[in-house]
Amino acid sequence: MKEIQNVELTGYVYDEKGRAVAGVKVYCDGVESTTLFDGSFRFVNLSPGLHVLSVQLEGYGVVEKRIETGEGEVLKVDLQLTPQTGKGKIYGYVFDAETAEHIKEEGVVFIVRHTYNLSTSIDPRTGYYEFNNLPAGNYKIGISTLNYHDEIKFINIKEAEEKREDFHCIKKEEIEPLWG
């Protein structure tokens, strides 16, 4: 009786710019693997036949590939993520926590995602910021400006939701230099 040679599937997960994506869950027929620092994944001891590879990461569409394998094959299959766009919006104002007036200096509001960051300037005349065309999901959003402490918030938006999120920042203390 002939022994069946198992199949091995390996590959890489890349973002839309061709950069490797680490720490992403890849599935093959319901079995999970997590990409390494270089975006690589590996499934071993698979039976010959049809296999479905899939990956999904928040902010990106689902990628699915069907692969027909023969006995003993070692196949390399790369998966490319495509960013989702949406109609969501996160906007708001940046205030001085003590005076309740908008911050009158330049700064940046940023969104940190798994594979990319977004940033926008704070309007120094009004303290206003906004991000448009966001897909539904969870966002880590922060603010950084020279004379105030940085602040981070976690925000969830639904599809086409517009959410106002104001920041009330604490001014950094001015420290007199030591003269000796």
N, C-alpha and C. Protein backbone atom coordinates (compact mmCIF):
# COMPACT_ATOMS: atom_id res chain seq x y z
N MET A 1 0.84 -1.19 0.00
CA MET A 1 0.00 0.00 0.00
C MET A 1 0.89 1.25 0.00
N LYS A 2 0.62 2.16 -0.90
CA LYS A 2 1.41 3.37 -1.06
C LYS A 2 0.99 4.41 0.00
N GLU A 3 2.01 5.04 0.65
CA GLU A 3 1.75 6.07 1.64
C GLU A 3 1.52 7.41 0.94
N ILE A 4 0.47 8.12 1.34
CA ILE A 4 0.15 9.42 0.73
C ILE A 4 1.11 10.48 1.27
N GLN A 5 1.71 11.24 0.35
CA GLN A 5 2.61 12.32 0.73
C GLN A 5 1.80 13.58 1.01
N ASN A 6 1.99 14.13 2.20
CA ASN A 6 1.24 15.32 2.60
C ASN A 6 1.72 16.57 1.86
N VAL A 7 0.93 17.61 1.99
CA VAL A 7 1.14 18.88 1.29
C VAL A 7 1.59 19.94 2.29
N GLU A 8 2.39 20.89 1.82
CA GLU A 8 2.79 22.04 2.64
C GLU A 8 2.47 23.32 1.87
N LEU A 9 1.81 24.26 2.55
CA LEU A 9 1.51 25.57 1.97
C LEU A 9 2.25 26.63 2.78
N THR A 10 3.03 27.45 2.09
CA THR A 10 3.74 28.55 2.73
C THR A 10 3.46 29.82 1.94
N GLY A 11 3.80 30.94 2.53
CA GLY A 11 3.63 32.20 1.81
C GLY A 11 3.84 33.39 2.71
N TYR A 12 3.48 34.54 2.17
CA TYR A 12 3.65 35.80 2.88
C TYR A 12 2.36 36.60 2.75
N VAL A 13 2.11 37.45 3.75
CA VAL A 13 1.01 38.41 3.69
C VAL A 13 1.63 39.79 3.53
N TYR A 14 1.15 40.52 2.51
CA TYR A 14 1.65 41.86 2.21
C TYR A 14 0.51 42.87 2.27
N ASP A 15 0.85 44.12 2.58
CA ASP A 15 -0.16 45.17 2.52
C ASP A 15 -0.21 45.74 1.10
N GLU A 16 -0.99 46.78 0.91
CA GLU A 16 -1.19 47.35 -0.43
C GLU A 16 0.08 47.95 -1.02
N LYS A 17 1.07 48.24 -0.19
CA LYS A 17 2.33 48.81 -0.68
C LYS A 17 3.43 47.76 -0.79
N GLY A 18 3.07 46.49 -0.58
CA GLY A 18 4.05 45.42 -0.70
C GLY A 18 4.88 45.18 0.55
N ARG A 19 4.50 45.79 1.66
CA ARG A 19 5.22 45.59 2.92
C ARG A 19 4.69 44.35 3.63
N ALA A 20 5.59 43.58 4.23
CA ALA A 20 5.20 42.39 4.98
C ALA A 20 4.36 42.80 6.19
N VAL A 21 3.34 41.97 6.49
CA VAL A 21 2.45 42.25 7.62
C VAL A 21 2.64 41.15 8.67
N ALA A 22 3.14 41.54 9.82
CA ALA A 22 3.39 40.59 10.92
C ALA A 22 2.19 40.50 11.85
N GLY A 23 2.05 39.35 12.50
CA GLY A 23 1.04 39.19 13.55
C GLY A 23 -0.39 39.06 13.07
N VAL A 24 -0.59 38.67 11.81
CA VAL A 24 -1.92 38.53 11.24
C VAL A 24 -2.31 37.05 11.22
N LYS A 25 -3.56 36.77 11.53
CA LYS A 25 -4.03 35.39 11.50
C LYS A 25 -4.40 34.99 10.07
N VAL A 26 -3.81 33.87 9.62
CA VAL A 26 -4.10 33.29 8.32
C VAL A 26 -4.77 31.95 8.59
N TYR A 27 -5.79 31.62 7.81
CA TYR A 27 -6.52 30.37 8.01
C TYR A 27 -6.42 29.50 6.77
N CYS A 28 -6.28 28.20 7.01
CA CYS A 28 -6.32 27.21 5.95
C CYS A 28 -7.31 26.14 6.39
N ASP A 29 -8.43 26.09 5.73
CA ASP A 29 -9.48 25.12 6.06
C ASP A 29 -9.85 25.18 7.54
N GLY A 30 -9.89 26.39 8.10
CA GLY A 30 -10.28 26.56 9.49
C GLY A 30 -9.15 26.45 10.50
N VAL A 31 -7.96 26.02 10.07
CA VAL A 31 -6.80 25.94 10.95
C VAL A 31 -6.08 27.28 10.91
N GLU A 32 -5.65 27.77 12.08
CA GLU A 32 -5.07 29.11 12.20
C GLU A 32 -3.55 29.07 12.29
N SER A 33 -2.92 30.05 11.63
CA SER A 33 -1.49 30.30 11.75
C SER A 33 -1.34 31.82 11.86
N THR A 34 -0.30 32.28 12.54
CA THR A 34 -0.05 33.71 12.67
C THR A 34 1.23 34.06 11.93
N THR A 35 1.19 35.12 11.14
CA THR A 35 2.38 35.51 10.38
C THR A 35 3.50 35.94 11.32
N LEU A 36 4.72 35.63 10.91
CA LEU A 36 5.91 36.02 11.67
C LEU A 36 6.29 37.46 11.34
N PHE A 37 7.38 37.94 11.91
CA PHE A 37 7.82 39.32 11.72
C PHE A 37 8.00 39.69 10.25
N ASP A 38 8.33 38.71 9.42
CA ASP A 38 8.55 38.97 7.99
C ASP A 38 7.31 38.73 7.14
N GLY A 39 6.16 38.51 7.81
CA GLY A 39 4.90 38.29 7.10
C GLY A 39 4.67 36.86 6.64
N SER A 40 5.58 35.95 6.99
CA SER A 40 5.48 34.57 6.49
C SER A 40 4.52 33.72 7.33
N PHE A 41 3.93 32.73 6.67
CA PHE A 41 3.09 31.74 7.34
C PHE A 41 3.38 30.38 6.73
N ARG A 42 2.92 29.32 7.43
CA ARG A 42 3.20 27.96 6.96
C ARG A 42 2.15 27.00 7.51
N PHE A 43 1.64 26.15 6.62
CA PHE A 43 0.74 25.06 6.99
C PHE A 43 1.37 23.76 6.50
N VAL A 44 1.53 22.78 7.39
CA VAL A 44 2.17 21.51 7.03
C VAL A 44 1.21 20.35 7.27
N ASN A 45 1.58 19.21 6.71
CA ASN A 45 0.81 17.96 6.88
C ASN A 45 -0.64 18.08 6.42
N LEU A 46 -0.85 18.81 5.33
CA LEU A 46 -2.19 18.91 4.75
C LEU A 46 -2.40 17.75 3.79
N SER A 47 -3.61 17.30 3.70
CA SER A 47 -3.95 16.26 2.72
C SER A 47 -3.98 16.86 1.33
N PRO A 48 -3.65 16.09 0.31
CA PRO A 48 -3.78 16.59 -1.07
C PRO A 48 -5.25 16.93 -1.36
N GLY A 49 -5.47 17.91 -2.22
CA GLY A 49 -6.83 18.28 -2.59
C GLY A 49 -7.01 19.79 -2.56
N LEU A 50 -8.26 20.20 -2.47
CA LEU A 50 -8.60 21.62 -2.48
C LEU A 50 -8.46 22.21 -1.07
N HIS A 51 -7.78 23.35 -0.98
CA HIS A 51 -7.62 24.06 0.29
C HIS A 51 -8.00 25.52 0.09
N VAL A 52 -8.55 26.12 1.14
CA VAL A 52 -8.93 27.52 1.11
C VAL A 52 -8.08 28.28 2.12
N LEU A 53 -7.27 29.22 1.61
CA LEU A 53 -6.47 30.11 2.46
C LEU A 53 -7.21 31.43 2.58
N SER A 54 -7.25 31.98 3.79
CA SER A 54 -7.90 33.29 3.95
C SER A 54 -7.21 34.10 5.04
N VAL A 55 -7.32 35.40 4.88
CA VAL A 55 -6.78 36.34 5.87
C VAL A 55 -7.72 37.53 5.92
N GLN A 56 -7.92 38.04 7.15
CA GLN A 56 -8.72 39.24 7.33
C GLN A 56 -8.10 40.07 8.42
N LEU A 57 -7.96 41.34 8.16
CA LEU A 57 -7.39 42.28 9.12
C LEU A 57 -8.27 43.52 9.12
N GLU A 58 -8.57 44.02 10.32
CA GLU A 58 -9.43 45.19 10.42
C GLU A 58 -8.87 46.34 9.57
N GLY A 59 -9.75 46.94 8.80
CA GLY A 59 -9.34 48.02 7.90
C GLY A 59 -9.04 47.54 6.49
N TYR A 60 -9.05 46.22 6.31
CA TYR A 60 -8.78 45.61 5.01
C TYR A 60 -9.90 44.65 4.66
N GLY A 61 -10.07 44.38 3.37
CA GLY A 61 -11.05 43.40 2.94
C GLY A 61 -10.54 41.99 3.18
N VAL A 62 -11.46 41.04 3.17
CA VAL A 62 -11.09 39.62 3.31
C VAL A 62 -10.40 39.17 2.03
N VAL A 63 -9.29 38.45 2.17
CA VAL A 63 -8.59 37.87 1.03
C VAL A 63 -8.74 36.36 1.15
N GLU A 64 -9.19 35.74 0.07
CA GLU A 64 -9.39 34.29 0.08
C GLU A 64 -8.85 33.70 -1.22
N LYS A 65 -8.09 32.62 -1.10
CA LYS A 65 -7.58 31.93 -2.28
C LYS A 65 -7.87 30.44 -2.15
N ARG A 66 -8.34 29.87 -3.25
CA ARG A 66 -8.56 28.42 -3.32
C ARG A 66 -7.39 27.81 -4.07
N ILE A 67 -6.79 26.78 -3.45
CA ILE A 67 -5.60 26.15 -4.03
C ILE A 67 -5.83 24.66 -4.14
N GLU A 68 -5.67 24.14 -5.35
CA GLU A 68 -5.75 22.69 -5.59
C GLU A 68 -4.33 22.14 -5.46
N THR A 69 -4.15 21.16 -4.59
CA THR A 69 -2.81 20.62 -4.34
C THR A 69 -2.75 19.14 -4.71
N GLY A 70 -1.56 18.75 -5.16
CA GLY A 70 -1.30 17.35 -5.46
C GLY A 70 -0.42 16.74 -4.38
N GLU A 71 -0.35 15.46 -4.39
CA GLU A 71 0.41 14.71 -3.39
C GLU A 71 1.86 15.18 -3.31
N GLY A 72 2.34 15.46 -2.08
CA GLY A 72 3.73 15.81 -1.84
C GLY A 72 4.14 17.22 -2.25
N GLU A 73 3.22 18.03 -2.70
CA GLU A 73 3.57 19.38 -3.16
C GLU A 73 3.92 20.32 -2.00
N VAL A 74 4.84 21.21 -2.27
CA VAL A 74 5.16 22.32 -1.38
C VAL A 74 4.91 23.58 -2.21
N LEU A 75 3.85 24.31 -1.85
CA LEU A 75 3.45 25.47 -2.65
C LEU A 75 3.62 26.76 -1.87
N LYS A 76 4.03 27.81 -2.58
CA LYS A 76 4.14 29.15 -2.00
C LYS A 76 2.98 29.98 -2.55
N VAL A 77 2.18 30.52 -1.63
CA VAL A 77 1.02 31.32 -2.00
C VAL A 77 1.05 32.62 -1.19
N ASP A 78 1.20 33.75 -1.87
CA ASP A 78 1.22 35.05 -1.19
C ASP A 78 -0.17 35.65 -1.19
N LEU A 79 -0.47 36.39 -0.12
CA LEU A 79 -1.77 37.04 0.03
C LEU A 79 -1.55 38.55 0.16
N GLN A 80 -2.24 39.32 -0.66
CA GLN A 80 -2.11 40.79 -0.66
C GLN A 80 -3.38 41.42 -0.09
N LEU A 81 -3.23 42.22 0.94
CA LEU A 81 -4.35 42.92 1.56
C LEU A 81 -4.70 44.18 0.78
N THR A 82 -5.97 44.49 0.71
CA THR A 82 -6.46 45.70 0.06
C THR A 82 -7.23 46.52 1.09
N PRO A 83 -6.84 47.79 1.27
CA PRO A 83 -7.52 48.60 2.29
C PRO A 83 -8.99 48.81 1.95
N GLN A 84 -9.80 48.82 2.98
CA GLN A 84 -11.21 49.14 2.82
C GLN A 84 -11.36 50.66 2.90
N THR A 85 -12.31 51.16 2.19
CA THR A 85 -12.69 52.56 2.39
C THR A 85 -14.12 52.54 2.88
N GLY A 86 -14.50 53.59 3.51
CA GLY A 86 -15.86 53.66 4.03
C GLY A 86 -16.35 55.08 3.98
N LYS A 87 -17.44 55.30 4.67
CA LYS A 87 -18.03 56.63 4.71
C LYS A 87 -18.03 57.18 6.13
N GLY A 88 -17.23 56.54 6.99
CA GLY A 88 -17.15 56.99 8.37
C GLY A 88 -16.32 58.24 8.51
N LYS A 89 -16.55 58.94 9.61
CA LYS A 89 -15.83 60.19 9.86
C LYS A 89 -15.60 60.31 11.37
N ILE A 90 -14.37 60.65 11.73
CA ILE A 90 -14.04 61.02 13.11
C ILE A 90 -13.54 62.45 13.05
N TYR A 91 -14.14 63.30 13.87
CA TYR A 91 -13.78 64.71 13.85
C TYR A 91 -13.92 65.27 15.27
N GLY A 92 -13.42 66.46 15.46
CA GLY A 92 -13.60 67.10 16.76
C GLY A 92 -12.70 68.30 16.92
N TYR A 93 -12.61 68.72 18.16
CA TYR A 93 -11.83 69.90 18.52
C TYR A 93 -10.85 69.54 19.62
N VAL A 94 -9.77 70.29 19.66
CA VAL A 94 -8.74 70.09 20.68
C VAL A 94 -8.76 71.32 21.58
N PHE A 95 -9.01 71.07 22.88
CA PHE A 95 -9.14 72.14 23.86
C PHE A 95 -8.04 72.08 24.90
N ASP A 96 -7.77 73.22 25.50
CA ASP A 96 -6.93 73.31 26.69
C ASP A 96 -7.83 72.88 27.85
N ALA A 97 -7.42 71.86 28.61
CA ALA A 97 -8.25 71.33 29.69
C ALA A 97 -8.51 72.35 30.79
N GLU A 98 -7.58 73.27 31.00
CA GLU A 98 -7.73 74.25 32.08
C GLU A 98 -8.60 75.42 31.68
N THR A 99 -8.39 75.96 30.48
CA THR A 99 -9.12 77.17 30.06
C THR A 99 -10.39 76.85 29.27
N ALA A 100 -10.52 75.62 28.77
CA ALA A 100 -11.64 75.18 27.93
C ALA A 100 -11.68 75.90 26.58
N GLU A 101 -10.61 76.61 26.23
CA GLU A 101 -10.50 77.23 24.92
C GLU A 101 -9.76 76.28 23.98
N HIS A 102 -10.02 76.44 22.67
CA HIS A 102 -9.31 75.56 21.74
C HIS A 102 -7.81 75.89 21.76
N ILE A 103 -7.02 74.88 21.50
CA ILE A 103 -5.57 75.05 21.48
C ILE A 103 -5.22 75.91 20.27
N LYS A 104 -4.42 76.91 20.50
CA LYS A 104 -4.09 77.88 19.46
C LYS A 104 -2.69 77.66 18.91
N GLU A 105 -2.27 76.43 18.83
CA GLU A 105 -0.96 76.15 18.26
C GLU A 105 -1.07 74.91 17.38
N GLU A 106 -0.06 74.74 16.55
CA GLU A 106 -0.09 73.61 15.64
C GLU A 106 0.17 72.31 16.38
N GLY A 107 -0.39 71.27 15.85
CA GLY A 107 -0.22 69.93 16.40
C GLY A 107 -0.77 68.94 15.41
N VAL A 108 -0.77 67.69 15.80
CA VAL A 108 -1.25 66.65 14.91
C VAL A 108 -2.15 65.68 15.67
N VAL A 109 -3.18 65.22 14.98
CA VAL A 109 -4.03 64.14 15.48
C VAL A 109 -3.72 62.96 14.58
N PHE A 110 -3.56 61.77 15.17
CA PHE A 110 -3.16 60.61 14.38
C PHE A 110 -4.00 59.39 14.73
N ILE A 111 -4.13 58.51 13.76
CA ILE A 111 -4.79 57.22 13.93
C ILE A 111 -3.74 56.15 13.71
N VAL A 112 -3.66 55.23 14.66
CA VAL A 112 -2.70 54.12 14.57
C VAL A 112 -3.48 52.86 14.22
N ARG A 113 -3.12 52.23 13.11
CA ARG A 113 -3.73 50.95 12.71
C ARG A 113 -2.63 49.90 12.64
N HIS A 114 -3.01 48.67 12.38
CA HIS A 114 -2.04 47.56 12.39
C HIS A 114 -0.92 47.76 11.38
N THR A 115 -1.25 48.21 10.18
CA THR A 115 -0.23 48.32 9.14
C THR A 115 0.01 49.74 8.64
N TYR A 116 -0.77 50.68 9.10
CA TYR A 116 -0.57 52.04 8.60
C TYR A 116 -1.06 53.05 9.63
N ASN A 117 -0.60 54.26 9.51
CA ASN A 117 -1.04 55.36 10.36
C ASN A 117 -1.60 56.47 9.47
N LEU A 118 -2.54 57.19 10.01
CA LEU A 118 -3.08 58.38 9.35
C LEU A 118 -2.82 59.56 10.27
N SER A 119 -2.63 60.72 9.69
CA SER A 119 -2.48 61.91 10.53
C SER A 119 -3.10 63.11 9.83
N THR A 120 -3.49 64.07 10.63
CA THR A 120 -4.03 65.31 10.12
C THR A 120 -3.62 66.44 11.06
N SER A 121 -3.48 67.61 10.53
CA SER A 121 -3.08 68.76 11.34
C SER A 121 -4.28 69.33 12.09
N ILE A 122 -3.97 69.90 13.24
CA ILE A 122 -4.97 70.64 14.00
C ILE A 122 -4.98 72.06 13.45
N ASP A 123 -6.16 72.57 13.14
CA ASP A 123 -6.26 73.95 12.67
C ASP A 123 -5.98 74.88 13.86
N PRO A 124 -4.88 75.65 13.83
CA PRO A 124 -4.55 76.49 14.98
C PRO A 124 -5.52 77.65 15.20
N ARG A 125 -6.36 77.95 14.21
CA ARG A 125 -7.35 79.02 14.38
C ARG A 125 -8.58 78.54 15.13
N THR A 126 -8.93 77.23 14.93
CA THR A 126 -10.18 76.72 15.51
C THR A 126 -10.00 75.50 16.41
N GLY A 127 -8.84 74.84 16.32
CA GLY A 127 -8.62 73.61 17.08
C GLY A 127 -9.29 72.39 16.46
N TYR A 128 -9.78 72.52 15.22
CA TYR A 128 -10.55 71.46 14.57
C TYR A 128 -9.64 70.46 13.85
N TYR A 129 -10.10 69.19 13.83
CA TYR A 129 -9.44 68.14 13.03
C TYR A 129 -10.53 67.22 12.48
N GLU A 130 -10.20 66.47 11.42
CA GLU A 130 -11.15 65.45 10.93
C GLU A 130 -10.44 64.41 10.07
N PHE A 131 -11.00 63.19 10.12
CA PHE A 131 -10.61 62.08 9.25
C PHE A 131 -11.86 61.62 8.52
N ASN A 132 -11.76 61.46 7.20
CA ASN A 132 -12.91 61.06 6.38
C ASN A 132 -12.65 59.72 5.70
N ASN A 133 -13.71 59.15 5.14
CA ASN A 133 -13.67 57.91 4.35
C ASN A 133 -13.11 56.73 5.14
N LEU A 134 -13.50 56.64 6.41
CA LEU A 134 -13.03 55.56 7.26
C LEU A 134 -14.00 54.38 7.20
N PRO A 135 -13.47 53.14 7.12
CA PRO A 135 -14.34 51.98 7.22
C PRO A 135 -14.77 51.77 8.67
N ALA A 136 -15.84 51.03 8.86
CA ALA A 136 -16.28 50.69 10.21
C ALA A 136 -15.14 49.97 10.92
N GLY A 137 -15.03 50.18 12.22
CA GLY A 137 -13.99 49.48 12.97
C GLY A 137 -13.56 50.22 14.21
N ASN A 138 -12.51 49.67 14.83
CA ASN A 138 -11.94 50.24 16.04
C ASN A 138 -10.71 51.07 15.68
N TYR A 139 -10.59 52.21 16.31
CA TYR A 139 -9.50 53.13 16.01
C TYR A 139 -8.81 53.57 17.30
N LYS A 140 -7.49 53.61 17.23
CA LYS A 140 -6.67 54.20 18.30
C LYS A 140 -6.28 55.57 17.77
N ILE A 141 -6.75 56.61 18.44
CA ILE A 141 -6.53 57.96 17.95
C ILE A 141 -5.82 58.77 19.03
N GLY A 142 -4.86 59.56 18.61
CA GLY A 142 -4.09 60.33 19.58
C GLY A 142 -3.81 61.73 19.11
N ILE A 143 -3.34 62.52 20.04
CA ILE A 143 -2.99 63.91 19.73
C ILE A 143 -1.60 64.20 20.26
N SER A 144 -0.86 64.99 19.50
CA SER A 144 0.47 65.42 19.93
C SER A 144 0.66 66.87 19.52
N THR A 145 0.98 67.69 20.49
CA THR A 145 1.27 69.09 20.25
C THR A 145 2.37 69.52 21.22
N LEU A 146 3.13 70.48 20.85
CA LEU A 146 4.37 70.82 21.54
C LEU A 146 4.22 71.11 23.04
N ASN A 147 3.30 71.95 23.43
CA ASN A 147 3.22 72.40 24.82
C ASN A 147 2.17 71.68 25.67
N TYR A 148 1.64 70.56 25.15
CA TYR A 148 0.62 69.81 25.88
C TYR A 148 1.01 68.34 25.94
N HIS A 149 0.50 67.66 26.96
CA HIS A 149 0.74 66.22 27.08
C HIS A 149 -0.04 65.49 25.99
N ASP A 150 0.57 64.45 25.44
CA ASP A 150 -0.10 63.63 24.44
C ASP A 150 -1.29 62.93 25.09
N GLU A 151 -2.28 62.63 24.27
CA GLU A 151 -3.47 61.95 24.76
C GLU A 151 -3.88 60.90 23.73
N ILE A 152 -4.34 59.74 24.21
CA ILE A 152 -4.77 58.64 23.34
C ILE A 152 -6.20 58.24 23.72
N LYS A 153 -7.02 57.94 22.71
CA LYS A 153 -8.39 57.43 22.93
C LYS A 153 -8.63 56.26 21.99
N PHE A 154 -9.57 55.40 22.38
CA PHE A 154 -9.99 54.28 21.54
C PHE A 154 -11.44 54.52 21.14
N ILE A 155 -11.69 54.48 19.83
CA ILE A 155 -12.99 54.84 19.29
C ILE A 155 -13.47 53.75 18.35
N ASN A 156 -14.76 53.43 18.42
CA ASN A 156 -15.37 52.49 17.48
C ASN A 156 -16.39 53.25 16.66
N ILE A 157 -16.32 53.06 15.33
CA ILE A 157 -17.36 53.65 14.47
C ILE A 157 -18.01 52.56 13.64
N LYS A 158 -19.29 52.76 13.38
CA LYS A 158 -20.05 51.86 12.51
C LYS A 158 -19.96 52.38 11.08
N GLU A 159 -20.43 51.59 10.13
CA GLU A 159 -20.39 51.99 8.73
C GLU A 159 -21.15 53.31 8.54
N ALA A 160 -20.50 54.27 7.90
CA ALA A 160 -21.05 55.59 7.57
C ALA A 160 -21.35 56.45 8.80
N GLU A 161 -20.87 56.06 9.97
CA GLU A 161 -21.10 56.85 11.18
C GLU A 161 -20.15 58.05 11.22
N GLU A 162 -20.67 59.16 11.71
CA GLU A 162 -19.85 60.34 11.96
C GLU A 162 -19.79 60.52 13.47
N LYS A 163 -18.57 60.51 14.01
CA LYS A 163 -18.42 60.59 15.45
C LYS A 163 -17.53 61.76 15.84
N ARG A 164 -18.06 62.59 16.73
CA ARG A 164 -17.28 63.71 17.25
C ARG A 164 -16.52 63.23 18.49
N GLU A 165 -15.24 63.51 18.50
CA GLU A 165 -14.39 63.14 19.64
C GLU A 165 -13.46 64.31 19.94
N ASP A 166 -13.78 65.03 21.00
CA ASP A 166 -12.96 66.17 21.40
C ASP A 166 -11.85 65.72 22.35
N PHE A 167 -10.76 66.44 22.33
CA PHE A 167 -9.64 66.21 23.24
C PHE A 167 -9.53 67.41 24.18
N HIS A 168 -9.30 67.14 25.45
CA HIS A 168 -9.09 68.17 26.46
C HIS A 168 -7.70 67.93 27.03
N CYS A 169 -6.74 68.66 26.51
CA CYS A 169 -5.33 68.39 26.79
C CYS A 169 -4.81 69.21 27.97
N ILE A 170 -3.90 68.60 28.69
CA ILE A 170 -3.29 69.24 29.86
C ILE A 170 -1.96 69.86 29.44
N LYS A 171 -1.82 71.13 29.77
CA LYS A 171 -0.61 71.88 29.41
C LYS A 171 0.58 71.34 30.21
N LYS A 172 1.72 71.26 29.55
CA LYS A 172 2.95 70.84 30.23
C LYS A 172 3.41 71.97 31.14
N GLU A 173 3.96 71.58 32.28
CA GLU A 173 4.49 72.58 33.21
C GLU A 173 5.79 73.14 32.66
N GLU A 174 5.95 74.44 32.83
CA GLU A 174 7.21 75.06 32.44
C GLU A 174 8.19 74.87 33.59
N ILE A 175 9.33 74.32 33.29
CA ILE A 175 10.33 74.06 34.31
C ILE A 175 11.48 75.04 34.13
N GLU A 176 11.75 75.76 35.19
CA GLU A 176 12.87 76.70 35.16
C GLU A 176 14.17 75.92 35.19
N PRO A 177 15.15 76.31 34.37
CA PRO A 177 16.43 75.61 34.40
C PRO A 177 17.16 75.87 35.72
N LEU A 178 17.90 74.86 36.16
CA LEU A 178 18.69 75.01 37.38
C LEU A 178 19.96 75.77 37.06
N TRP A 179 20.20 76.79 37.82
CA TRP A 179 21.43 77.57 37.63
C TRP A 179 22.30 77.34 38.85
N GLY A 180 23.52 76.96 38.64
CA GLY A 180 24.34 76.62 39.79
C GLY A 180 25.56 77.39 39.94
